N, C-alpha and C. Protein backbone atom coordinates (compact mmCIF):
# COMPACT_ATOMS: atom_id res chain seq x y z
N MET A 1 179.53 195.11 263.78
CA MET A 1 179.21 195.70 265.41
C MET A 1 180.10 197.52 265.56
N ASP A 2 179.68 197.99 265.93
CA ASP A 2 180.76 199.28 265.62
C ASP A 2 180.05 200.53 266.89
N SER A 3 181.62 200.89 267.32
CA SER A 3 181.14 202.73 268.27
C SER A 3 181.63 203.79 267.58
N SER A 4 180.71 205.09 267.76
CA SER A 4 180.84 205.80 267.36
C SER A 4 182.43 206.34 267.23
N GLU A 5 183.22 205.73 267.90
CA GLU A 5 184.47 206.16 268.75
C GLU A 5 185.09 205.33 268.55
N GLY A 6 185.68 204.83 267.32
CA GLY A 6 186.03 203.98 266.68
C GLY A 6 186.19 202.29 266.97
N GLY A 7 185.63 201.74 267.76
CA GLY A 7 185.74 200.12 267.96
C GLY A 7 185.33 199.69 267.27
N GLN A 8 185.11 198.05 266.75
CA GLN A 8 184.68 197.89 265.69
C GLN A 8 184.87 196.11 265.46
N PHE A 9 183.85 194.87 265.64
CA PHE A 9 183.97 194.10 266.04
C PHE A 9 182.74 193.40 264.44
N SER A 10 183.47 192.60 263.81
CA SER A 10 183.07 192.32 262.41
C SER A 10 183.01 190.56 262.93
N PHE A 11 181.96 190.45 262.38
CA PHE A 11 180.82 188.45 262.69
C PHE A 11 180.22 188.34 261.55
N GLY A 12 180.45 187.69 261.71
CA GLY A 12 180.08 186.83 260.11
C GLY A 12 180.16 185.43 259.48
N THR A 13 179.49 185.03 258.68
CA THR A 13 179.54 183.87 258.10
C THR A 13 180.04 184.10 256.24
N TYR A 14 180.86 182.58 256.53
CA TYR A 14 181.17 182.27 254.73
C TYR A 14 181.24 180.98 254.77
N PRO A 15 181.47 180.52 253.37
CA PRO A 15 181.81 179.36 253.15
C PRO A 15 183.05 179.08 252.97
N GLY A 16 184.24 178.09 253.62
CA GLY A 16 185.43 177.62 253.71
C GLY A 16 186.19 178.38 254.68
N ALA A 17 185.01 179.30 255.99
CA ALA A 17 185.27 179.51 257.21
C ALA A 17 185.02 178.34 258.09
N VAL A 18 186.11 178.85 259.45
CA VAL A 18 185.92 177.19 260.08
C VAL A 18 185.58 177.82 261.74
N ASP A 19 184.59 177.18 262.20
CA ASP A 19 184.50 177.24 263.69
C ASP A 19 185.07 177.22 264.65
N GLY A 20 185.58 178.75 264.97
CA GLY A 20 187.04 178.31 265.87
C GLY A 20 188.01 179.21 264.87
N TYR A 21 189.34 179.12 265.35
CA TYR A 21 190.38 179.54 264.52
C TYR A 21 190.47 179.97 263.09
N ASP A 22 190.64 180.66 262.47
CA ASP A 22 191.09 180.58 260.98
C ASP A 22 192.49 180.77 260.01
N GLU A 23 192.64 179.97 260.32
CA GLU A 23 194.82 179.79 260.54
C GLU A 23 194.34 180.96 259.29
N GLY A 24 196.12 182.09 260.17
CA GLY A 24 196.55 183.24 259.58
C GLY A 24 195.77 184.71 260.10
N TYR A 25 194.37 184.31 261.10
CA TYR A 25 193.36 185.56 260.93
C TYR A 25 194.34 186.60 262.52
N PRO A 26 194.78 187.77 262.11
CA PRO A 26 195.89 188.56 263.27
C PRO A 26 195.08 188.90 264.01
N THR A 27 195.60 188.62 265.20
CA THR A 27 194.92 189.87 266.50
C THR A 27 195.67 191.35 266.53
N LEU A 28 194.77 191.63 267.41
CA LEU A 28 194.81 193.11 267.14
C LEU A 28 195.34 193.88 268.49
N ASP A 29 195.93 194.61 267.53
CA ASP A 29 197.38 195.56 268.40
C ASP A 29 197.05 197.30 268.65
N TRP A 30 196.24 196.36 270.13
CA TRP A 30 195.32 197.31 270.79
C TRP A 30 195.84 198.53 271.58
N THR A 31 197.16 198.69 271.74
CA THR A 31 198.16 199.59 272.06
C THR A 31 198.80 200.71 271.33
N GLN A 32 197.85 200.51 270.17
CA GLN A 32 198.52 201.51 268.84
C GLN A 32 197.61 202.95 268.45
N ALA A 33 196.97 202.55 269.29
CA ALA A 33 195.82 203.83 269.07
C ALA A 33 195.34 203.91 270.62
N GLU A 34 194.91 205.58 270.81
CA GLU A 34 193.69 205.62 272.43
C GLU A 34 192.51 205.78 271.72
N LYS A 35 191.30 205.05 271.72
CA LYS A 35 190.52 204.82 271.31
C LYS A 35 189.42 203.77 271.96
N VAL A 36 188.48 203.77 271.35
CA VAL A 36 187.23 203.08 271.74
C VAL A 36 187.65 201.53 271.43
N TYR A 37 187.59 200.47 272.49
CA TYR A 37 188.15 199.04 271.60
C TYR A 37 187.06 198.05 271.54
N LEU A 38 186.09 197.33 270.75
CA LEU A 38 185.12 196.67 270.94
C LEU A 38 186.20 195.33 269.85
N ALA A 39 186.26 194.21 270.71
CA ALA A 39 186.73 192.77 270.37
C ALA A 39 186.57 191.68 270.74
N LEU A 40 187.25 190.29 270.30
CA LEU A 40 186.84 189.20 270.90
C LEU A 40 187.98 188.63 271.56
N GLN A 41 188.31 188.50 272.51
CA GLN A 41 189.36 187.88 273.57
C GLN A 41 189.24 186.41 273.21
N ARG A 42 190.26 185.85 272.73
CA ARG A 42 190.61 184.22 272.57
C ARG A 42 191.76 183.96 273.51
N VAL A 43 192.29 182.84 273.92
CA VAL A 43 192.78 182.04 274.67
C VAL A 43 192.98 180.91 273.84
N ASN A 44 194.35 180.71 273.80
CA ASN A 44 195.15 179.28 273.06
C ASN A 44 194.47 178.60 274.10
N GLY A 45 194.26 177.51 273.37
CA GLY A 45 193.75 176.29 274.18
C GLY A 45 192.91 175.67 273.55
N ALA A 46 191.79 174.58 273.37
CA ALA A 46 191.33 173.51 273.12
C ALA A 46 190.27 173.89 272.07
N ASN A 47 189.74 175.14 272.63
CA ASN A 47 188.48 176.01 271.60
C ASN A 47 189.05 176.63 270.51
N TRP A 48 190.00 176.65 270.76
CA TRP A 48 191.07 178.41 269.31
C TRP A 48 191.89 177.36 270.27
N THR A 49 192.70 177.46 268.65
CA THR A 49 193.88 176.95 268.35
C THR A 49 195.05 177.83 267.55
N GLY A 50 194.72 179.11 267.61
CA GLY A 50 195.86 180.16 267.17
C GLY A 50 196.01 180.92 268.46
N PRO A 51 196.58 182.22 267.86
CA PRO A 51 197.46 182.58 269.11
C PRO A 51 195.86 183.45 270.32
N THR A 52 196.91 183.68 271.37
CA THR A 52 196.12 184.26 272.35
C THR A 52 196.02 185.55 272.45
N GLY A 53 194.88 186.50 272.78
CA GLY A 53 194.76 188.31 272.26
C GLY A 53 193.55 188.28 271.65
N PHE A 54 193.08 189.96 271.53
CA PHE A 54 192.21 190.17 270.87
C PHE A 54 191.63 190.34 268.96
N TYR A 55 190.67 189.61 268.69
CA TYR A 55 190.48 189.92 267.60
C TYR A 55 189.57 190.57 266.92
N ALA A 56 189.43 191.33 265.70
CA ALA A 56 188.58 192.25 265.42
C ALA A 56 187.34 191.59 264.08
N GLY A 57 187.11 189.91 265.06
CA GLY A 57 186.67 189.80 263.82
C GLY A 57 186.64 187.66 264.42
N ASP A 58 185.82 187.07 263.87
CA ASP A 58 185.94 185.54 263.88
C ASP A 58 185.01 185.09 262.75
N PRO A 59 185.31 185.10 261.79
CA PRO A 59 184.59 184.16 260.45
C PRO A 59 184.34 182.77 261.01
N GLU A 60 183.16 182.10 260.86
CA GLU A 60 182.23 180.73 261.01
C GLU A 60 181.75 180.47 259.76
N THR A 61 181.35 179.72 259.92
CA THR A 61 180.66 178.33 258.85
C THR A 61 178.79 179.09 258.73
N PRO A 62 178.64 179.12 257.99
CA PRO A 62 177.19 179.16 257.35
C PRO A 62 176.31 179.13 258.43
N ILE A 63 175.38 179.22 259.11
CA ILE A 63 174.20 179.60 259.81
C ILE A 63 173.08 178.67 258.93
N PRO A 64 172.37 177.32 259.84
CA PRO A 64 171.72 176.53 259.10
C PRO A 64 170.39 177.29 259.37
N ALA A 65 169.18 177.22 258.49
CA ALA A 65 168.19 177.51 259.04
C ALA A 65 167.72 177.43 260.24
N GLY A 66 167.40 178.22 260.72
CA GLY A 66 166.35 177.53 261.99
C GLY A 66 167.51 178.06 263.12
N GLY A 67 168.94 178.02 262.56
CA GLY A 67 169.92 177.55 263.81
C GLY A 67 170.46 178.77 264.15
N SER A 68 171.51 178.61 265.10
CA SER A 68 172.40 179.76 265.57
C SER A 68 173.67 179.48 266.14
N LYS A 69 174.60 181.09 266.10
CA LYS A 69 176.06 181.20 266.59
C LYS A 69 176.40 181.96 267.19
N THR A 70 177.13 181.74 268.64
CA THR A 70 177.29 182.35 269.27
C THR A 70 178.74 182.79 269.37
N TRP A 71 178.64 184.08 269.32
CA TRP A 71 180.14 184.63 269.87
C TRP A 71 180.14 185.49 270.98
N ARG A 72 181.45 184.53 271.47
CA ARG A 72 181.63 184.96 272.99
C ARG A 72 182.44 185.70 273.48
N ASP A 73 183.14 186.20 274.54
CA ASP A 73 183.93 187.00 274.75
C ASP A 73 184.06 188.33 274.26
N ILE A 74 183.31 188.78 274.04
CA ILE A 74 183.78 190.21 273.36
C ILE A 74 183.65 191.41 273.97
N TYR A 75 184.81 191.96 274.18
CA TYR A 75 185.42 193.11 275.30
C TYR A 75 185.27 194.23 274.99
N LEU A 76 185.00 195.15 275.35
CA LEU A 76 184.50 196.55 275.22
C LEU A 76 184.97 197.65 276.43
N TRP A 77 186.21 198.26 275.66
CA TRP A 77 187.23 199.33 276.42
C TRP A 77 187.08 200.40 275.99
N SER A 78 188.35 201.31 276.67
CA SER A 78 188.54 202.66 275.72
C SER A 78 190.55 202.24 276.25
N TYR A 79 191.17 202.56 275.77
CA TYR A 79 192.75 202.69 276.11
C TYR A 79 192.38 203.97 276.01
N ASN A 80 193.18 204.79 276.66
CA ASN A 80 194.06 205.74 277.26
C ASN A 80 193.26 206.50 276.40
N TYR A 81 191.33 206.96 276.93
CA TYR A 81 191.14 207.79 276.20
C TYR A 81 189.29 208.17 276.99
N THR A 82 189.12 209.23 277.03
CA THR A 82 187.90 209.56 277.85
C THR A 82 186.76 209.32 276.38
N PRO A 83 186.02 208.75 276.42
CA PRO A 83 184.84 208.66 275.39
C PRO A 83 183.82 210.54 275.54
N ARG A 84 183.66 210.56 274.86
CA ARG A 84 182.71 212.09 274.70
C ARG A 84 181.43 212.04 275.27
N LEU A 85 180.83 210.67 275.87
CA LEU A 85 179.31 210.36 276.41
C LEU A 85 180.41 209.97 278.49
N GLY A 86 181.49 210.67 278.29
CA GLY A 86 182.02 210.04 279.93
C GLY A 86 182.57 208.01 279.34
N ASN A 87 181.19 207.22 280.03
CA ASN A 87 181.56 206.07 280.25
C ASN A 87 180.80 205.21 279.61
N ARG A 88 179.97 206.02 278.16
CA ARG A 88 179.36 205.09 277.60
C ARG A 88 179.58 205.42 276.02
N VAL A 89 178.71 204.61 275.17
CA VAL A 89 179.75 204.97 274.04
C VAL A 89 178.53 204.67 273.04
N ALA A 90 178.26 205.30 271.85
CA ALA A 90 177.26 204.62 271.18
C ALA A 90 177.92 203.88 270.59
N ALA A 91 176.30 203.02 269.71
CA ALA A 91 177.26 201.62 268.93
C ALA A 91 175.75 201.86 268.12
N GLY A 92 176.45 200.81 267.37
CA GLY A 92 175.17 200.78 265.67
C GLY A 92 175.60 199.58 264.93
N CYS A 93 174.74 198.87 264.44
CA CYS A 93 174.95 198.31 263.78
C CYS A 93 175.65 199.17 261.51
N THR A 94 176.43 198.62 261.20
CA THR A 94 177.17 198.54 260.08
C THR A 94 176.94 197.37 258.95
N TRP A 95 177.12 197.64 258.16
CA TRP A 95 177.13 196.82 256.99
C TRP A 95 178.05 196.67 255.88
N ASN A 96 179.41 195.68 255.30
CA ASN A 96 180.13 195.85 254.58
C ASN A 96 179.16 195.94 252.95
N VAL A 97 178.65 195.69 252.65
CA VAL A 97 177.85 195.28 251.63
C VAL A 97 176.36 196.27 251.25
N LYS A 98 175.38 194.97 251.91
CA LYS A 98 174.25 195.66 252.47
C LYS A 98 174.15 194.79 253.69
N PRO A 99 172.83 195.07 254.02
CA PRO A 99 172.07 194.06 255.54
C PRO A 99 171.62 193.09 255.01
N PRO A 100 172.05 191.80 255.85
CA PRO A 100 172.00 190.13 255.67
C PRO A 100 170.45 190.60 255.75
N ALA A 101 170.05 189.05 254.98
CA ALA A 101 168.47 188.80 254.54
C ALA A 101 168.14 187.60 255.60
N GLY A 102 167.61 187.52 256.69
CA GLY A 102 167.34 186.78 257.29
C GLY A 102 168.13 186.31 258.66
N TYR A 103 168.43 187.11 259.24
CA TYR A 103 169.13 186.84 260.69
C TYR A 103 168.93 188.31 261.96
N ALA A 104 168.78 187.92 263.06
CA ALA A 104 168.36 188.56 264.25
C ALA A 104 169.66 187.79 264.83
N GLY A 105 169.58 189.25 266.54
CA GLY A 105 170.49 188.70 267.15
C GLY A 105 170.35 188.99 268.09
N VAL A 106 170.60 188.91 269.69
CA VAL A 106 170.65 188.94 270.60
C VAL A 106 172.05 189.64 271.64
N LEU A 107 172.17 190.65 271.87
CA LEU A 107 173.33 190.94 271.89
C LEU A 107 172.88 190.73 273.46
N THR A 108 173.95 190.51 274.84
CA THR A 108 173.39 189.90 275.98
C THR A 108 175.38 190.73 277.04
N ILE A 109 174.92 191.66 277.40
CA ILE A 109 175.63 192.32 278.65
C ILE A 109 176.39 191.03 279.32
N ASP A 110 177.01 190.72 279.47
CA ASP A 110 177.71 189.74 280.43
C ASP A 110 178.00 190.34 281.20
N TYR A 111 178.94 191.69 281.61
CA TYR A 111 179.72 191.68 283.61
C TYR A 111 180.06 193.49 282.35
N VAL A 112 179.70 194.48 283.61
CA VAL A 112 179.92 195.35 284.03
C VAL A 112 180.65 195.88 285.05
N PRO A 113 181.52 196.77 284.33
CA PRO A 113 182.72 196.64 286.08
C PRO A 113 181.25 197.99 287.07
N ALA A 114 181.66 197.57 288.61
CA ALA A 114 180.98 198.11 289.28
C ALA A 114 180.96 199.70 288.57
N HIS A 115 182.06 200.23 289.34
CA HIS A 115 182.70 201.89 289.24
C HIS A 115 181.49 202.52 287.83
N LEU A 116 181.22 201.80 286.83
CA LEU A 116 180.85 202.35 285.86
C LEU A 116 178.72 202.38 286.34
N ASN A 117 178.63 202.00 287.30
CA ASN A 117 176.83 202.13 287.57
C ASN A 117 176.54 201.85 286.33
N TRP A 118 176.04 201.11 285.75
CA TRP A 118 175.57 200.78 284.66
C TRP A 118 173.70 200.81 285.37
N THR A 119 173.16 201.18 285.13
CA THR A 119 171.56 200.38 284.98
C THR A 119 170.98 200.47 284.16
N GLY A 120 171.46 200.65 283.02
CA GLY A 120 170.28 200.17 281.69
C GLY A 120 170.52 198.84 281.46
N PRO A 121 169.65 198.40 280.38
CA PRO A 121 169.63 196.98 279.89
C PRO A 121 171.04 195.75 280.06
N PHE A 122 170.34 194.88 279.62
CA PHE A 122 171.87 193.57 279.48
C PHE A 122 171.57 193.29 278.59
N GLU A 123 170.27 193.06 277.56
CA GLU A 123 169.88 192.15 276.61
C GLU A 123 169.37 193.13 275.77
N PHE A 124 169.52 192.85 274.67
CA PHE A 124 168.72 193.89 272.80
C PHE A 124 168.76 192.79 272.49
N ILE A 125 167.57 192.78 271.84
CA ILE A 125 167.63 192.70 270.59
C ILE A 125 167.57 193.08 269.12
N ILE A 126 168.10 192.38 268.33
CA ILE A 126 168.54 193.57 267.18
C ILE A 126 168.25 192.83 266.00
N ASP A 127 167.92 193.54 265.01
CA ASP A 127 167.58 193.06 263.61
C ASP A 127 167.94 193.13 263.06
N LEU A 128 169.14 192.58 262.01
CA LEU A 128 170.24 192.76 261.62
C LEU A 128 169.80 193.15 260.11
N THR A 129 168.47 193.45 259.42
CA THR A 129 168.48 193.65 258.16
C THR A 129 168.02 195.34 258.84
N LYS A 130 168.25 196.01 259.70
CA LYS A 130 168.18 197.99 259.86
C LYS A 130 169.33 198.09 260.79
N THR A 131 169.13 199.61 260.47
CA THR A 131 170.45 200.13 261.00
C THR A 131 169.77 200.00 262.62
N THR A 132 171.03 199.72 263.90
CA THR A 132 169.62 199.81 264.99
C THR A 132 170.89 200.79 265.69
N GLY A 133 170.92 201.60 266.89
CA GLY A 133 171.85 202.69 267.42
C GLY A 133 171.17 201.74 268.84
N PHE A 134 172.66 202.45 269.76
CA PHE A 134 172.52 202.12 271.21
C PHE A 134 173.45 202.65 271.98
N TYR A 135 173.15 202.48 273.11
CA TYR A 135 174.66 203.09 273.76
C TYR A 135 174.92 201.74 275.31
N LEU A 136 176.50 201.57 275.22
CA LEU A 136 176.56 200.85 276.07
C LEU A 136 177.18 201.19 276.92
N PRO A 137 177.97 200.54 278.04
CA PRO A 137 179.21 201.26 279.13
C PRO A 137 180.50 200.66 279.06
N CYS A 138 181.35 202.03 278.73
CA CYS A 138 182.66 201.61 278.58
C CYS A 138 183.78 202.10 279.50
N PRO A 139 183.98 201.03 280.52
CA PRO A 139 185.71 201.13 281.51
C PRO A 139 187.28 202.08 280.20
N ILE A 140 187.32 202.52 281.03
CA ILE A 140 188.51 203.22 280.60
C ILE A 140 189.73 202.84 281.83
N THR A 141 190.74 201.59 280.54
CA THR A 141 191.66 200.86 280.64
C THR A 141 193.07 200.76 279.95
N ASP A 142 194.35 200.48 281.06
CA ASP A 142 195.21 200.25 279.99
C ASP A 142 195.51 198.63 280.11
N ASP A 143 194.85 197.72 280.84
CA ASP A 143 195.59 196.13 281.18
C ASP A 143 193.55 195.64 280.80
N PRO A 144 193.38 195.44 279.03
CA PRO A 144 191.98 195.08 279.08
C PRO A 144 192.24 193.47 279.33
N PHE A 145 193.25 192.79 279.67
CA PHE A 145 193.17 191.59 279.40
C PHE A 145 192.47 190.89 280.86
N ASN A 146 192.61 192.09 281.72
CA ASN A 146 192.50 191.60 283.08
C ASN A 146 190.67 191.65 282.81
N PRO A 147 189.75 190.65 282.89
CA PRO A 147 188.63 190.75 282.66
C PRO A 147 187.55 191.26 283.48
N ASP A 148 187.67 191.67 284.91
CA ASP A 148 187.20 193.29 285.55
C ASP A 148 187.62 194.17 285.25
N ASN A 149 187.72 194.42 284.16
CA ASN A 149 188.47 195.91 283.54
C ASN A 149 187.79 195.82 282.10
N VAL A 150 186.77 195.35 281.91
CA VAL A 150 186.21 195.59 280.23
C VAL A 150 184.47 195.11 280.80
N THR A 151 183.99 195.80 279.89
CA THR A 151 182.72 194.97 279.73
C THR A 151 182.29 194.24 278.96
N ARG A 152 182.00 192.63 279.65
CA ARG A 152 182.05 191.69 278.63
C ARG A 152 180.16 191.59 277.86
N LEU A 153 180.76 190.86 276.83
CA LEU A 153 179.28 191.12 275.79
C LEU A 153 179.18 189.59 275.55
N HIS A 154 178.13 189.42 274.81
CA HIS A 154 178.40 187.76 273.83
C HIS A 154 176.90 188.09 272.48
N LEU A 155 176.89 187.48 271.53
CA LEU A 155 175.73 187.73 271.03
C LEU A 155 175.75 186.70 270.01
N GLU A 156 174.18 186.50 270.69
CA GLU A 156 173.98 185.16 269.52
C GLU A 156 173.33 185.49 268.33
N VAL A 157 173.04 185.32 267.02
CA VAL A 157 173.00 185.49 265.54
C VAL A 157 172.24 184.27 265.47
N TYR A 158 170.28 184.29 265.18
CA TYR A 158 169.68 183.43 264.91
C TYR A 158 169.35 184.25 263.04
N SER A 159 169.26 183.00 262.42
CA SER A 159 169.16 182.44 261.43
C SER A 159 167.30 182.28 261.41
N TYR A 160 166.51 182.97 260.14
CA TYR A 160 165.33 182.70 260.57
C TYR A 160 164.93 181.25 259.89
N PRO A 161 163.51 180.57 260.66
CA PRO A 161 162.99 181.26 261.74
C PRO A 161 164.08 181.23 262.44
N ILE A 162 163.07 182.35 263.39
CA ILE A 162 163.92 182.61 264.65
C ILE A 162 162.47 181.94 266.15
N PRO A 163 163.45 181.89 267.08
CA PRO A 163 162.92 181.27 267.89
C PRO A 163 161.20 182.45 267.92
N GLU A 164 159.95 181.87 268.83
CA GLU A 164 158.55 182.05 268.40
C GLU A 164 158.58 184.23 269.18
N PRO A 165 158.58 184.69 268.74
CA PRO A 165 157.89 186.14 269.71
C PRO A 165 157.64 186.37 271.11
N SER A 166 157.45 185.44 271.57
CA SER A 166 157.31 185.22 273.14
C SER A 166 158.47 184.67 273.86
N SER A 167 159.34 183.94 272.81
CA SER A 167 160.17 183.76 274.03
C SER A 167 161.50 184.80 273.43
N LEU A 168 161.24 185.62 272.41
CA LEU A 168 162.53 186.48 272.38
C LEU A 168 162.35 187.85 273.33
N ALA A 169 160.39 187.98 273.68
CA ALA A 169 160.01 189.31 274.28
C ALA A 169 160.81 188.85 275.48
N ALA A 170 160.63 187.96 276.51
CA ALA A 170 161.07 187.39 277.65
C ALA A 170 162.48 188.02 277.84
N ILE A 171 163.29 188.13 276.56
CA ILE A 171 164.98 188.76 277.06
C ILE A 171 164.76 190.23 277.15
N GLY A 172 163.87 190.71 276.22
CA GLY A 172 163.87 192.37 276.31
C GLY A 172 163.66 193.21 275.14
N LEU A 173 163.25 193.96 275.28
CA LEU A 173 163.93 195.53 273.48
C LEU A 173 164.22 196.32 273.54
N ALA A 174 164.94 196.74 275.31
CA ALA A 174 165.68 198.15 274.93
C ALA A 174 166.80 197.76 274.13
N LEU A 175 167.46 198.87 274.02
CA LEU A 175 168.68 199.10 273.15
C LEU A 175 169.12 199.92 274.31
N ALA A 176 170.35 199.65 274.30
CA ALA A 176 171.75 200.43 275.17
C ALA A 176 173.24 200.64 274.27
N GLY A 177 174.29 201.28 275.29
CA GLY A 177 174.88 201.77 273.94
C GLY A 177 176.07 201.07 273.44
N VAL A 178 176.94 200.98 272.80
CA VAL A 178 177.73 200.56 272.28
C VAL A 178 177.43 200.37 271.16
N GLY A 179 178.20 200.69 269.97
CA GLY A 179 178.04 199.74 268.29
C GLY A 179 178.16 198.34 267.62
N ILE A 180 177.38 198.26 267.16
CA ILE A 180 177.53 196.44 266.95
C ILE A 180 177.58 196.89 264.71
N GLY A 181 179.02 196.22 263.93
CA GLY A 181 178.58 196.10 263.03
C GLY A 181 178.83 194.81 262.41
N VAL A 182 178.45 195.02 261.74
CA VAL A 182 177.82 193.73 260.68
C VAL A 182 178.50 193.70 259.77
N VAL A 183 178.88 192.67 259.44
CA VAL A 183 179.88 192.37 258.35
C VAL A 183 179.38 190.67 258.10
N ARG A 184 178.88 191.09 256.11
CA ARG A 184 178.51 189.79 255.74
C ARG A 184 179.24 189.48 255.08
N ARG A 185 179.31 188.28 254.84
CA ARG A 185 180.34 187.39 254.19
C ARG A 185 179.25 186.73 252.76
N ARG A 186 180.14 186.53 251.55
CA ARG A 186 179.03 185.84 250.76
C ARG A 186 179.20 184.73 251.12
N ARG A 187 177.77 183.82 250.83
CA ARG A 187 177.20 182.78 251.27
C ARG A 187 177.84 182.00 249.75
């Protein structure tokens, strides 16, 4: 998942990864560049044994057929930079090798700072085998650790077969704007 203005969050699965912190996976130093950031926010504790901070990705164990994985606490913000579209950014899916076969995702916006006046959709169904573009609300902040200063999202990825179309239709089909970059790992 990536934005047109620098932010990228990589998600994927591969054998040997663990659900949770993968030893040695580095935190993201978000103060090095004035740009848009799309990152996982993690806090050391029972569910995350790694350091507290922002991460550019979180590889997970493979998703069983008909199953799903959820990446929570995805934060979107711009650090001391005004995006070209003001408080919106264009986003889309990209792949490091080729589109993953047999996966679909539901991106959900969990929170948008009120001052952004977001009236767009809050849920997006994403066919991860195709390039998809949309817009997301993006606040400008120098304190992304305050959860009220960022747009918060989560992504649930389903392996086929995914839930029946009627249950997905209830989520909504509209797209809105930040980018999603998909990294497919070898199985």
